[in-house]
Full PDB file with SEQRES, HELIX, SHEET, SSBOND, CRYST1, ORIGX, SCALE, CONECT and MASTER records, all heavy atoms in Angstrom:
SEQRES   1 A   37  VAL HIS GLY ASP ASP ILE THR VAL THR ALA ASP GLY VAL          
SEQRES   2 A   37  ASP THR TYR HIS ILE VAL LYS ALA ALA GLY ARG TYR ARG          
SEQRES   3 A   37  GLU CYS LYS ARG THR GLN GLY VAL SER THR THR                  
HELIX    1 AA1 HIS A   17  ALA A   21  1                                   5    
SHEET    1 AA1 2 HIS A   2  GLY A   3  0                                        
SHEET    2 AA1 2 GLU A  27  CYS A  28  1                                        
CRYST1    1.000    1.000    1.000  90.00  90.00  90.00 P 1           1          
ORIGX1      1.000000  0.000000  0.000000        0.00000                         
ORIGX2      0.000000  1.000000  0.000000        0.00000                         
ORIGX3      0.000000  0.000000  1.000000        0.00000                         
SCALE1      1.000000  0.000000  0.000000        0.00000                         
SCALE2      0.000000  1.000000  0.000000        0.00000                         
SCALE3      0.000000  0.000000  1.000000        0.00000                         
ATOM      1  N   VAL A   1     -10.058   5.634  13.138  1.00  0.00           N  
ATOM      2  CA  VAL A   1      -9.150   4.592  12.693  1.00  0.00           C  
ATOM      3  C   VAL A   1      -9.434   4.262  11.239  1.00  0.00           C  
ATOM      4  O   VAL A   1     -10.604   4.148  10.840  1.00  0.00           O  
ATOM      5  CB  VAL A   1      -9.317   3.319  13.548  1.00  0.00           C  
ATOM      6  CG1 VAL A   1      -8.383   2.216  13.063  1.00  0.00           C  
ATOM      7  CG2 VAL A   1      -9.079   3.603  15.011  1.00  0.00           C  
ATOM      8  N   HIS A   2      -8.362   4.109  10.457  1.00  0.00           N  
ATOM      9  CA  HIS A   2      -8.516   3.731   9.038  1.00  0.00           C  
ATOM     10  C   HIS A   2      -7.273   2.943   8.641  1.00  0.00           C  
ATOM     11  O   HIS A   2      -6.242   3.022   9.276  1.00  0.00           O  
ATOM     12  CB  HIS A   2      -8.663   4.977   8.177  1.00  0.00           C  
ATOM     13  CG  HIS A   2      -9.121   4.661   6.784  1.00  0.00           C  
ATOM     14  ND1 HIS A   2      -8.255   4.398   5.753  1.00  0.00           N  
ATOM     15  CD2 HIS A   2     -10.361   4.554   6.268  1.00  0.00           C  
ATOM     16  CE1 HIS A   2      -8.942   4.137   4.646  1.00  0.00           C  
ATOM     17  NE2 HIS A   2     -10.226   4.237   4.938  1.00  0.00           N  
ATOM     18  N   GLY A   3      -7.404   2.188   7.567  1.00  0.00           N  
ATOM     19  CA  GLY A   3      -6.269   1.439   7.032  1.00  0.00           C  
ATOM     20  C   GLY A   3      -5.244   2.384   6.418  1.00  0.00           C  
ATOM     21  O   GLY A   3      -5.506   3.569   6.222  1.00  0.00           O  
ATOM     22  N   ASP A   4      -4.080   1.835   6.080  1.00  0.00           N  
ATOM     23  CA  ASP A   4      -3.010   2.674   5.539  1.00  0.00           C  
ATOM     24  C   ASP A   4      -3.130   2.959   4.037  1.00  0.00           C  
ATOM     25  O   ASP A   4      -2.199   3.522   3.438  1.00  0.00           O  
ATOM     26  CB  ASP A   4      -1.636   2.101   5.880  1.00  0.00           C  
ATOM     27  CG  ASP A   4      -1.386   0.729   5.265  1.00  0.00           C  
ATOM     28  OD1 ASP A   4      -2.291   0.181   4.597  1.00  0.00           O  
ATOM     29  OD2 ASP A   4      -0.275   0.196   5.479  1.00  0.00           O  
ATOM     30  N   ASP A   5      -4.269   2.594   3.459  1.00  0.00           N  
ATOM     31  CA  ASP A   5      -4.491   2.965   2.049  1.00  0.00           C  
ATOM     32  C   ASP A   5      -4.927   4.432   2.003  1.00  0.00           C  
ATOM     33  O   ASP A   5      -5.533   4.947   2.918  1.00  0.00           O  
ATOM     34  CB  ASP A   5      -5.525   2.056   1.383  1.00  0.00           C  
ATOM     35  CG  ASP A   5      -6.814   1.958   2.165  1.00  0.00           C  
ATOM     36  OD1 ASP A   5      -6.764   1.954   3.406  1.00  0.00           O  
ATOM     37  OD2 ASP A   5      -7.890   1.894   1.547  1.00  0.00           O  
ATOM     38  N   ILE A   6      -4.585   5.097   0.928  1.00  0.00           N  
ATOM     39  CA  ILE A   6      -4.854   6.519   0.805  1.00  0.00           C  
ATOM     40  C   ILE A   6      -6.308   6.763   0.433  1.00  0.00           C  
ATOM     41  O   ILE A   6      -6.843   6.140  -0.479  1.00  0.00           O  
ATOM     42  CB  ILE A   6      -3.925   7.151  -0.252  1.00  0.00           C  
ATOM     43  CG1 ILE A   6      -2.462   7.006   0.194  1.00  0.00           C  
ATOM     44  CG2 ILE A   6      -4.275   8.616  -0.490  1.00  0.00           C  
ATOM     45  CD1 ILE A   6      -1.458   7.340  -0.881  1.00  0.00           C  
ATOM     46  N   THR A   7      -6.968   7.666   1.157  1.00  0.00           N  
ATOM     47  CA  THR A   7      -8.345   8.032   0.896  1.00  0.00           C  
ATOM     48  C   THR A   7      -8.402   9.546   0.696  1.00  0.00           C  
ATOM     49  O   THR A   7      -8.088  10.298   1.622  1.00  0.00           O  
ATOM     50  CB  THR A   7      -9.266   7.638   2.071  1.00  0.00           C  
ATOM     51  OG1 THR A   7      -9.044   6.245   2.352  1.00  0.00           O  
ATOM     52  CG2 THR A   7     -10.723   7.821   1.720  1.00  0.00           C  
ATOM     53  N   VAL A   8      -8.810   9.962  -0.504  1.00  0.00           N  
ATOM     54  CA  VAL A   8      -8.830  11.407  -0.800  1.00  0.00           C  
ATOM     55  C   VAL A   8     -10.191  11.816  -1.359  1.00  0.00           C  
ATOM     56  O   VAL A   8     -10.948  10.986  -1.841  1.00  0.00           O  
ATOM     57  CB  VAL A   8      -7.713  11.796  -1.794  1.00  0.00           C  
ATOM     58  CG1 VAL A   8      -6.338  11.567  -1.192  1.00  0.00           C  
ATOM     59  CG2 VAL A   8      -7.854  11.030  -3.098  1.00  0.00           C  
ATOM     60  N   THR A   9     -10.451  13.104  -1.281  1.00  0.00           N  
ATOM     61  CA  THR A   9     -11.665  13.665  -1.853  1.00  0.00           C  
ATOM     62  C   THR A   9     -11.487  13.803  -3.371  1.00  0.00           C  
ATOM     63  O   THR A   9     -10.402  13.569  -3.894  1.00  0.00           O  
ATOM     64  CB  THR A   9     -11.983  15.060  -1.259  1.00  0.00           C  
ATOM     65  OG1 THR A   9     -10.948  15.953  -1.672  1.00  0.00           O  
ATOM     66  CG2 THR A   9     -12.086  15.000   0.248  1.00  0.00           C  
ATOM     67  N   ALA A  10     -12.539  14.230  -4.067  1.00  0.00           N  
ATOM     68  CA  ALA A  10     -12.451  14.458  -5.510  1.00  0.00           C  
ATOM     69  C   ALA A  10     -11.405  15.510  -5.848  1.00  0.00           C  
ATOM     70  O   ALA A  10     -10.838  15.512  -6.939  1.00  0.00           O  
ATOM     71  CB  ALA A  10     -13.809  14.874  -6.061  1.00  0.00           C  
ATOM     72  N   ASP A  11     -11.108  16.395  -4.889  1.00  0.00           N  
ATOM     73  CA  ASP A  11     -10.092  17.447  -5.078  1.00  0.00           C  
ATOM     74  C   ASP A  11      -8.697  16.971  -4.732  1.00  0.00           C  
ATOM     75  O   ASP A  11      -7.739  17.759  -4.777  1.00  0.00           O  
ATOM     76  CB  ASP A  11     -10.442  18.669  -4.223  1.00  0.00           C  
ATOM     77  CG  ASP A  11     -11.792  19.275  -4.588  1.00  0.00           C  
ATOM     78  OD1 ASP A  11     -12.166  19.185  -5.764  1.00  0.00           O  
ATOM     79  OD2 ASP A  11     -12.455  19.793  -3.675  1.00  0.00           O  
ATOM     80  N   GLY A  12      -8.560  15.717  -4.284  1.00  0.00           N  
ATOM     81  CA  GLY A  12      -7.249  15.192  -3.933  1.00  0.00           C  
ATOM     82  C   GLY A  12      -6.815  15.489  -2.527  1.00  0.00           C  
ATOM     83  O   GLY A  12      -5.653  15.309  -2.173  1.00  0.00           O  
ATOM     84  N   VAL A  13      -7.730  15.937  -1.673  1.00  0.00           N  
ATOM     85  CA  VAL A  13      -7.426  16.264  -0.259  1.00  0.00           C  
ATOM     86  C   VAL A  13      -7.636  15.020   0.614  1.00  0.00           C  
ATOM     87  O   VAL A  13      -8.629  14.308   0.467  1.00  0.00           O  
ATOM     88  CB  VAL A  13      -8.329  17.420   0.222  1.00  0.00           C  
ATOM     89  CG1 VAL A  13      -8.073  17.730   1.685  1.00  0.00           C  
ATOM     90  CG2 VAL A  13      -8.147  18.654  -0.634  1.00  0.00           C  
ATOM     91  N   ASP A  14      -6.699  14.769   1.501  1.00  0.00           N  
ATOM     92  CA  ASP A  14      -6.780  13.649   2.435  1.00  0.00           C  
ATOM     93  C   ASP A  14      -8.067  13.759   3.254  1.00  0.00           C  
ATOM     94  O   ASP A  14      -8.312  14.784   3.901  1.00  0.00           O  
ATOM     95  CB  ASP A  14      -5.565  13.689   3.366  1.00  0.00           C  
ATOM     96  CG  ASP A  14      -5.518  12.549   4.353  1.00  0.00           C  
ATOM     97  OD1 ASP A  14      -6.487  11.796   4.500  1.00  0.00           O  
ATOM     98  OD2 ASP A  14      -4.473  12.414   5.034  1.00  0.00           O  
ATOM     99  N   THR A  15      -8.907  12.720   3.237  1.00  0.00           N  
ATOM    100  CA  THR A  15     -10.186  12.780   3.938  1.00  0.00           C  
ATOM    101  C   THR A  15     -10.029  12.809   5.447  1.00  0.00           C  
ATOM    102  O   THR A  15     -10.974  13.116   6.166  1.00  0.00           O  
ATOM    103  CB  THR A  15     -11.090  11.602   3.553  1.00  0.00           C  
ATOM    104  OG1 THR A  15     -10.408  10.382   3.833  1.00  0.00           O  
ATOM    105  CG2 THR A  15     -11.474  11.645   2.086  1.00  0.00           C  
ATOM    106  N   TYR A  16      -8.854  12.488   5.961  1.00  0.00           N  
ATOM    107  CA  TYR A  16      -8.622  12.464   7.401  1.00  0.00           C  
ATOM    108  C   TYR A  16      -7.699  13.586   7.852  1.00  0.00           C  
ATOM    109  O   TYR A  16      -7.194  13.560   8.982  1.00  0.00           O  
ATOM    110  CB  TYR A  16      -8.070  11.099   7.819  1.00  0.00           C  
ATOM    111  CG  TYR A  16      -9.042   9.996   7.513  1.00  0.00           C  
ATOM    112  CD1 TYR A  16      -8.833   9.140   6.433  1.00  0.00           C  
ATOM    113  CD2 TYR A  16     -10.190   9.827   8.274  1.00  0.00           C  
ATOM    114  CE1 TYR A  16      -9.749   8.133   6.154  1.00  0.00           C  
ATOM    115  CE2 TYR A  16     -11.095   8.829   7.980  1.00  0.00           C  
ATOM    116  CZ  TYR A  16     -10.876   7.995   6.919  1.00  0.00           C  
ATOM    117  OH  TYR A  16     -11.788   7.018   6.634  1.00  0.00           O  
ATOM    118  N   HIS A  17      -7.454  14.600   7.020  1.00  0.00           N  
ATOM    119  CA  HIS A  17      -6.506  15.647   7.356  1.00  0.00           C  
ATOM    120  C   HIS A  17      -6.871  16.413   8.629  1.00  0.00           C  
ATOM    121  O   HIS A  17      -5.992  16.808   9.400  1.00  0.00           O  
ATOM    122  CB  HIS A  17      -6.304  16.618   6.182  1.00  0.00           C  
ATOM    123  CG  HIS A  17      -7.461  17.530   5.894  1.00  0.00           C  
ATOM    124  ND1 HIS A  17      -8.569  17.116   5.219  1.00  0.00           N  
ATOM    125  CD2 HIS A  17      -7.665  18.820   6.233  1.00  0.00           C  
ATOM    126  CE1 HIS A  17      -9.420  18.112   5.140  1.00  0.00           C  
ATOM    127  NE2 HIS A  17      -8.887  19.176   5.731  1.00  0.00           N  
ATOM    128  N   ILE A  18      -8.139  16.586   8.887  1.00  0.00           N  
ATOM    129  CA  ILE A  18      -8.576  17.339  10.075  1.00  0.00           C  
ATOM    130  C   ILE A  18      -8.264  16.557  11.359  1.00  0.00           C  
ATOM    131  O   ILE A  18      -7.666  17.104  12.298  1.00  0.00           O  
ATOM    132  CB  ILE A  18     -10.088  17.650   9.991  1.00  0.00           C  
ATOM    133  CG1 ILE A  18     -10.379  18.521   8.775  1.00  0.00           C  
ATOM    134  CG2 ILE A  18     -10.574  18.316  11.286  1.00  0.00           C  
ATOM    135  CD1 ILE A  18     -11.845  18.646   8.432  1.00  0.00           C  
ATOM    136  N   VAL A  19      -8.634  15.283  11.395  1.00  0.00           N  
ATOM    137  CA  VAL A  19      -8.396  14.491  12.613  1.00  0.00           C  
ATOM    138  C   VAL A  19      -6.920  14.159  12.760  1.00  0.00           C  
ATOM    139  O   VAL A  19      -6.436  14.007  13.900  1.00  0.00           O  
ATOM    140  CB  VAL A  19      -9.299  13.224  12.662  1.00  0.00           C  
ATOM    141  CG1 VAL A  19     -10.750  13.601  12.841  1.00  0.00           C  
ATOM    142  CG2 VAL A  19      -9.122  12.360  11.435  1.00  0.00           C  
ATOM    143  N   LYS A  20      -6.194  14.064  11.663  1.00  0.00           N  
ATOM    144  CA  LYS A  20      -4.745  13.854  11.745  1.00  0.00           C  
ATOM    145  C   LYS A  20      -4.063  15.060  12.396  1.00  0.00           C  
ATOM    146  O   LYS A  20      -3.224  14.903  13.296  1.00  0.00           O  
ATOM    147  CB  LYS A  20      -4.149  13.588  10.371  1.00  0.00           C  
ATOM    148  CG  LYS A  20      -4.416  12.200   9.823  1.00  0.00           C  
ATOM    149  CD  LYS A  20      -3.815  12.031   8.424  1.00  0.00           C  
ATOM    150  CE  LYS A  20      -4.059  10.648   7.896  1.00  0.00           C  
ATOM    151  NZ  LYS A  20      -3.542  10.450   6.515  1.00  0.00           N  
ATOM    152  N   ALA A  21      -4.448  16.258  11.961  1.00  0.00           N  
ATOM    153  CA  ALA A  21      -3.861  17.480  12.493  1.00  0.00           C  
ATOM    154  C   ALA A  21      -4.134  17.619  13.988  1.00  0.00           C  
ATOM    155  O   ALA A  21      -3.344  18.188  14.737  1.00  0.00           O  
ATOM    156  CB  ALA A  21      -4.390  18.698  11.742  1.00  0.00           C  
ATOM    157  N   ALA A  22      -5.257  17.094  14.429  1.00  0.00           N  
ATOM    158  CA  ALA A  22      -5.664  17.177  15.850  1.00  0.00           C  
ATOM    159  C   ALA A  22      -5.093  16.035  16.669  1.00  0.00           C  
ATOM    160  O   ALA A  22      -5.334  15.956  17.876  1.00  0.00           O  
ATOM    161  CB  ALA A  22      -7.191  17.201  15.963  1.00  0.00           C  
ATOM    162  N   GLY A  23      -4.352  15.107  16.035  1.00  0.00           N  
ATOM    163  CA  GLY A  23      -3.780  13.970  16.758  1.00  0.00           C  
ATOM    164  C   GLY A  23      -4.802  12.926  17.148  1.00  0.00           C  
ATOM    165  O   GLY A  23      -4.569  12.161  18.081  1.00  0.00           O  
ATOM    166  N   ARG A  24      -5.911  12.870  16.440  1.00  0.00           N  
ATOM    167  CA  ARG A  24      -6.976  11.936  16.788  1.00  0.00           C  
ATOM    168  C   ARG A  24      -7.213  10.923  15.676  1.00  0.00           C  
ATOM    169  O   ARG A  24      -8.319  10.466  15.427  1.00  0.00           O  
ATOM    170  CB  ARG A  24      -8.271  12.697  17.098  1.00  0.00           C  
ATOM    171  CG  ARG A  24      -8.055  13.565  18.368  1.00  0.00           C  
ATOM    172  CD  ARG A  24      -9.247  14.271  18.800  1.00  0.00           C  
ATOM    173  NE  ARG A  24     -10.334  13.391  19.189  1.00  0.00           N  
ATOM    174  CZ  ARG A  24     -11.538  13.844  19.528  1.00  0.00           C  
ATOM    175  NH1 ARG A  24     -11.772  15.150  19.557  1.00  0.00           N  
ATOM    176  NH2 ARG A  24     -12.490  13.020  19.852  1.00  0.00           N  
ATOM    177  N   TYR A  25      -6.129  10.503  15.030  1.00  0.00           N  
ATOM    178  CA  TYR A  25      -6.186   9.532  13.934  1.00  0.00           C  
ATOM    179  C   TYR A  25      -5.229   8.395  14.256  1.00  0.00           C  
ATOM    180  O   TYR A  25      -4.119   8.600  14.710  1.00  0.00           O  
ATOM    181  CB  TYR A  25      -5.755  10.201  12.635  1.00  0.00           C  
ATOM    182  CG  TYR A  25      -5.697   9.268  11.457  1.00  0.00           C  
ATOM    183  CD1 TYR A  25      -6.838   8.951  10.723  1.00  0.00           C  
ATOM    184  CD2 TYR A  25      -4.480   8.720  11.038  1.00  0.00           C  
ATOM    185  CE1 TYR A  25      -6.771   8.095   9.629  1.00  0.00           C  
ATOM    186  CE2 TYR A  25      -4.411   7.866   9.956  1.00  0.00           C  
ATOM    187  CZ  TYR A  25      -5.560   7.564   9.257  1.00  0.00           C  
ATOM    188  OH  TYR A  25      -5.494   6.709   8.177  1.00  0.00           O  
ATOM    189  N   ARG A  26      -5.691   7.161  14.038  1.00  0.00           N  
ATOM    190  CA  ARG A  26      -4.852   5.975  14.200  1.00  0.00           C  
ATOM    191  C   ARG A  26      -4.939   5.184  12.900  1.00  0.00           C  
ATOM    192  O   ARG A  26      -5.998   5.073  12.278  1.00  0.00           O  
ATOM    193  CB  ARG A  26      -5.305   5.094  15.356  1.00  0.00           C  
ATOM    194  CG  ARG A  26      -5.329   5.776  16.709  1.00  0.00           C  
ATOM    195  CD  ARG A  26      -3.937   6.149  17.172  1.00  0.00           C  
ATOM    196  NE  ARG A  26      -3.962   6.702  18.508  1.00  0.00           N  
ATOM    197  CZ  ARG A  26      -4.110   7.988  18.802  1.00  0.00           C  
ATOM    198  NH1 ARG A  26      -4.299   8.868  17.845  1.00  0.00           N  
ATOM    199  NH2 ARG A  26      -4.093   8.396  20.044  1.00  0.00           N  
ATOM    200  N   GLU A  27      -3.828   4.590  12.533  1.00  0.00           N  
ATOM    201  CA  GLU A  27      -3.755   3.876  11.262  1.00  0.00           C  
ATOM    202  C   GLU A  27      -3.478   2.389  11.502  1.00  0.00           C  
ATOM    203  O   GLU A  27      -2.652   2.038  12.331  1.00  0.00           O  
ATOM    204  CB  GLU A  27      -2.645   4.495  10.401  1.00  0.00           C  
ATOM    205  CG  GLU A  27      -2.640   4.040   8.982  1.00  0.00           C  
ATOM    206  CD  GLU A  27      -1.692   4.886   8.144  1.00  0.00           C  
ATOM    207  OE1 GLU A  27      -2.132   5.938   7.657  1.00  0.00           O  
ATOM    208  OE2 GLU A  27      -0.519   4.502   8.045  1.00  0.00           O  
ATOM    209  N   CYS A  28      -4.181   1.562  10.746  1.00  0.00           N  
ATOM    210  CA  CYS A  28      -3.961   0.119  10.792  1.00  0.00           C  
ATOM    211  C   CYS A  28      -3.181  -0.283   9.539  1.00  0.00           C  
ATOM    212  O   CYS A  28      -3.537   0.155   8.436  1.00  0.00           O  
ATOM    213  CB  CYS A  28      -5.282  -0.661  10.807  1.00  0.00           C  
ATOM    214  SG  CYS A  28      -6.277  -0.357  12.233  1.00  0.00           S  
ATOM    215  N   LYS A  29      -2.188  -1.111   9.693  1.00  0.00           N  
ATOM    216  CA  LYS A  29      -1.424  -1.581   8.539  1.00  0.00           C  
ATOM    217  C   LYS A  29      -2.275  -2.583   7.745  1.00  0.00           C  
ATOM    218  O   LYS A  29      -3.006  -3.383   8.315  1.00  0.00           O  
ATOM    219  CB  LYS A  29      -0.126  -2.248   8.987  1.00  0.00           C  
ATOM    220  CG  LYS A  29       0.839  -1.292   9.636  1.00  0.00           C  
ATOM    221  CD  LYS A  29       1.354  -0.293   8.625  1.00  0.00           C  
ATOM    222  CE  LYS A  29       2.247   0.731   9.254  1.00  0.00           C  
ATOM    223  NZ  LYS A  29       2.405   1.903   8.439  1.00  0.00           N  
ATOM    224  N   ARG A  30      -2.158  -2.477   6.465  1.00  0.00           N  
ATOM    225  CA  ARG A  30      -2.882  -3.383   5.570  1.00  0.00           C  
ATOM    226  C   ARG A  30      -2.280  -4.765   5.653  1.00  0.00           C  
ATOM    227  O   ARG A  30      -1.061  -4.938   5.743  1.00  0.00           O  
ATOM    228  CB  ARG A  30      -2.740  -2.833   4.137  1.00  0.00           C  
ATOM    229  CG  ARG A  30      -3.356  -3.689   3.075  1.00  0.00           C  
ATOM    230  CD  ARG A  30      -3.306  -2.953   1.747  1.00  0.00           C  
ATOM    231  NE  ARG A  30      -3.067  -3.779   0.595  1.00  0.00           N  
ATOM    232  CZ  ARG A  30      -3.824  -4.772   0.185  1.00  0.00           C  
ATOM    233  NH1 ARG A  30      -4.876  -5.107   0.849  1.00  0.00           N  
ATOM    234  NH2 ARG A  30      -3.537  -5.447  -0.897  1.00  0.00           N  
ATOM    235  N   THR A  31      -3.138  -5.785   5.625  1.00  0.00           N  
ATOM    236  CA  THR A  31      -2.690  -7.167   5.608  1.00  0.00           C  
ATOM    237  C   THR A  31      -2.570  -7.597   4.155  1.00  0.00           C  
ATOM    238  O   THR A  31      -3.563  -7.632   3.441  1.00  0.00           O  
ATOM    239  CB  THR A  31      -3.684  -8.081   6.365  1.00  0.00           C  
ATOM    240  OG1 THR A  31      -3.810  -7.602   7.685  1.00  0.00           O  
ATOM    241  CG2 THR A  31      -3.193  -9.523   6.387  1.00  0.00           C  
ATOM    242  N   GLN A  32      -1.358  -7.890   3.722  1.00  0.00           N  
ATOM    243  CA  GLN A  32      -1.127  -8.272   2.339  1.00  0.00           C  
ATOM    244  C   GLN A  32      -1.988  -9.463   1.947  1.00  0.00           C  
ATOM    245  O   GLN A  32      -2.061 -10.448   2.669  1.00  0.00           O  
ATOM    246  CB  GLN A  32       0.353  -8.629   2.139  1.00  0.00           C  
ATOM    247  CG  GLN A  32       0.780  -8.778   0.712  1.00  0.00           C  
ATOM    248  CD  GLN A  32       0.710  -7.458  -0.067  1.00  0.00           C  
ATOM    249  OE1 GLN A  32       0.806  -6.379   0.500  1.00  0.00           O  
ATOM    250  NE2 GLN A  32       0.536  -7.556  -1.352  1.00  0.00           N  
ATOM    251  N   GLY A  33      -2.677  -9.340   0.837  1.00  0.00           N  
ATOM    252  CA  GLY A  33      -3.491 -10.427   0.338  1.00  0.00           C  
ATOM    253  C   GLY A  33      -4.910 -10.445   0.871  1.00  0.00           C  
ATOM    254  O   GLY A  33      -5.715 -11.305   0.476  1.00  0.00           O  
ATOM    255  N   VAL A  34      -5.272  -9.529   1.787  1.00  0.00           N  
ATOM    256  CA  VAL A  34      -6.630  -9.476   2.306  1.00  0.00           C  
ATOM    257  C   VAL A  34      -7.308  -8.251   1.729  1.00  0.00           C  
ATOM    258  O   VAL A  34      -6.851  -7.116   1.921  1.00  0.00           O  
ATOM    259  CB  VAL A  34      -6.629  -9.425   3.853  1.00  0.00           C  
ATOM    260  CG1 VAL A  34      -8.052  -9.244   4.385  1.00  0.00           C  
ATOM    261  CG2 VAL A  34      -6.008 -10.682   4.419  1.00  0.00           C  
ATOM    262  N   SER A  35      -8.409  -8.456   1.044  1.00  0.00           N  
ATOM    263  CA  SER A  35      -9.144  -7.355   0.445  1.00  0.00           C  
ATOM    264  C   SER A  35     -10.446  -7.139   1.217  1.00  0.00           C  
ATOM    265  O   SER A  35     -11.302  -7.999   1.239  1.00  0.00           O  
ATOM    266  CB  SER A  35      -9.474  -7.685  -1.026  1.00  0.00           C  
ATOM    267  OG  SER A  35     -10.472  -6.833  -1.509  1.00  0.00           O  
ATOM    268  N   THR A  36     -10.574  -5.983   1.862  1.00  0.00           N  
ATOM    269  CA  THR A  36     -11.804  -5.683   2.580  1.00  0.00           C  
ATOM    270  C   THR A  36     -12.974  -5.566   1.607  1.00  0.00           C  
ATOM    271  O   THR A  36     -14.094  -5.932   1.934  1.00  0.00           O  
ATOM    272  CB  THR A  36     -11.688  -4.401   3.417  1.00  0.00           C  
ATOM    273  OG1 THR A  36     -11.238  -3.340   2.585  1.00  0.00           O  
ATOM    274  CG2 THR A  36     -10.729  -4.595   4.576  1.00  0.00           C  
ATOM    275  N   THR A  37     -12.709  -5.089   0.390  1.00  0.00           N  
ATOM    276  CA  THR A  37     -13.771  -5.008  -0.613  1.00  0.00           C  
ATOM    277  C   THR A  37     -14.299  -6.398  -0.911  1.00  0.00           C  
ATOM    278  O   THR A  37     -15.505  -6.613  -0.995  1.00  0.00           O  
ATOM    279  CB  THR A  37     -13.229  -4.349  -1.885  1.00  0.00           C  
ATOM    280  OG1 THR A  37     -12.721  -3.058  -1.567  1.00  0.00           O  
ATOM    281  CG2 THR A  37     -14.316  -4.222  -2.943  1.00  0.00           C  
TER     282      THR A  37                                                      
MASTER        0    0    0    1    2    0    0    6  281    1    0    3          
END                                                                             
């Protein structure tokens, strides 16, 4: 599970591409105005 913000490697590859392709990825919508950082 990850938020809907884009996370990529230094090469620009989606860090979750493997689990997405296998159907084992779930996405949480970002809450506007809430910064996890």
